[in-house]
Protein backbone atom coordinates (compact mmCIF):
# COMPACT_ATOMS: atom_id res chain seq x y z
CA UNK A 1 43.96 137.10 196.93
CA UNK A 2 47.51 138.25 196.33
CA UNK A 3 49.46 140.05 199.00
CA UNK A 4 50.89 143.50 198.40
CA UNK A 5 54.07 142.74 200.38
CA UNK A 6 55.81 139.49 201.38
CA UNK A 7 58.01 138.95 204.42
CA UNK A 8 60.04 135.75 204.80
CA UNK A 9 61.22 134.96 208.33
CA UNK A 10 64.67 133.34 208.15
CA UNK A 11 65.73 133.58 211.79
CA UNK A 12 64.36 134.87 215.07
CA UNK A 13 66.73 137.86 215.17
CA UNK A 14 64.89 139.34 212.15
CA UNK A 15 61.58 139.48 214.03
CA UNK A 16 61.87 143.14 215.15
CA UNK A 17 62.97 144.25 211.68
CA UNK A 18 60.06 142.38 210.09
CA UNK A 19 57.56 143.99 212.46
CA UNK A 20 58.94 147.46 211.70
CA UNK A 21 58.89 146.81 207.95
CA UNK A 22 55.29 145.56 208.16
CA UNK A 23 54.25 148.68 210.11
CA UNK A 24 55.85 150.89 207.47
CA UNK A 25 54.12 148.87 204.74
CA UNK A 26 50.70 149.27 206.38
CA UNK A 27 51.40 152.98 206.97
CA UNK A 28 52.34 153.37 203.32
CA UNK A 29 48.98 152.11 202.11
CA UNK A 30 49.57 148.39 201.73
CA UNK A 31 46.29 146.51 202.11
CA UNK A 32 47.64 143.01 202.75
CA UNK A 33 50.85 141.29 203.85
CA UNK A 34 52.10 137.74 203.45
CA UNK A 35 54.32 136.39 206.25
CA UNK A 36 56.19 133.15 205.52
CA UNK A 37 58.07 130.85 207.90
CA UNK A 38 59.64 127.41 207.54
CA UNK A 39 60.79 124.82 210.04
CA UNK A 40 61.85 126.31 213.35
CA UNK A 41 60.70 129.76 212.25
CA UNK A 42 57.01 128.84 212.01
CA UNK A 43 56.52 129.98 215.60
CA UNK A 44 58.31 133.26 214.85
CA UNK A 45 56.05 133.90 211.84
CA UNK A 46 52.95 133.25 213.97
CA UNK A 47 54.29 135.55 216.70
CA UNK A 48 54.92 138.36 214.18
CA UNK A 49 51.38 137.99 212.81
CA UNK A 50 49.85 138.04 216.30
CA UNK A 51 51.87 141.12 217.34
CA UNK A 52 50.76 142.98 214.23
CA UNK A 53 47.15 141.89 214.67
CA UNK A 54 46.71 142.60 218.38
CA UNK A 55 49.18 145.24 219.45
CA UNK A 56 50.10 147.35 216.48
CA UNK A 57 47.07 147.46 214.25
CA UNK A 58 43.69 146.58 215.76
CA UNK A 59 42.15 146.91 212.28
CA UNK A 60 44.30 144.09 210.91
CA UNK A 61 42.79 140.63 210.59
CA UNK A 62 44.10 137.27 209.50
CA UNK A 63 42.70 136.69 206.03
CA UNK A 64 44.25 133.30 205.29
CA UNK A 65 46.58 130.70 206.77
CA UNK A 66 48.21 128.13 204.53
CA UNK A 67 50.11 125.13 205.89
CA UNK A 68 52.28 122.81 203.87
CA UNK A 69 55.63 121.18 203.42
CA UNK A 70 58.38 120.98 200.86
CA UNK A 71 61.29 118.61 200.26
CA UNK A 72 64.34 119.26 202.40
CA UNK A 73 67.65 119.04 200.56
CA UNK A 74 70.63 118.35 202.76
CA UNK A 75 73.81 120.13 201.69
CA UNK A 76 76.44 117.46 202.37
CA UNK A 77 80.12 117.92 201.84
CA UNK A 78 82.53 115.33 200.50
CA UNK A 79 84.25 113.11 202.97
CA UNK A 80 83.13 111.63 206.23
CA UNK A 81 79.90 113.61 206.60
CA UNK A 82 78.16 111.60 203.89
CA UNK A 83 78.14 108.39 205.89
CA UNK A 84 76.15 110.04 208.70
CA UNK A 85 73.41 111.22 206.35
CA UNK A 86 72.76 108.03 204.43
CA UNK A 87 69.02 107.48 204.19
CA UNK A 88 66.75 105.01 202.55
CA UNK A 89 66.01 106.07 198.96
CA UNK A 90 62.27 105.75 199.70
CA UNK A 91 62.48 108.07 202.69
CA UNK A 92 61.92 111.76 201.98
CA UNK A 93 62.91 114.56 204.30
CA UNK A 94 60.26 117.27 204.49
CA UNK A 95 60.29 120.71 206.05
CA UNK A 96 57.05 122.30 207.23
CA UNK A 97 56.02 125.80 206.22
CA UNK A 98 53.33 128.35 206.99
CA UNK A 99 52.03 131.33 205.06
CA UNK A 100 49.90 133.89 206.92
CA UNK A 101 48.07 136.61 205.04
CA UNK A 102 47.15 139.71 207.05
CA UNK A 103 44.76 142.28 205.63
CA UNK A 104 43.58 145.68 206.76
CA UNK A 105 39.88 145.88 207.41
CA UNK A 106 38.16 148.60 205.45
CA UNK A 107 36.53 151.17 207.72
């Protein structure tokens, strides 16, 4: 199932804007939405999905939840910062992610 619209949560301050955009998308005829969050914003993505499901659109249901992780690439600068971020070459930094698909129930 592919989503009609995708919203990526990058920081908590975008939560209200994302909720408004999702409401406009559902009002415009969109049947499903994909909400993505990574790292600290996983809780924000879940909160947005719950607000849309319970408060805004009672006919919206959670169709799918996908959990995973991806490699985390540290953007280090030259100079003294490098020595603080030295890691074992076998150690991989991972960042968690969530993808929540919301769909409108057909009445």
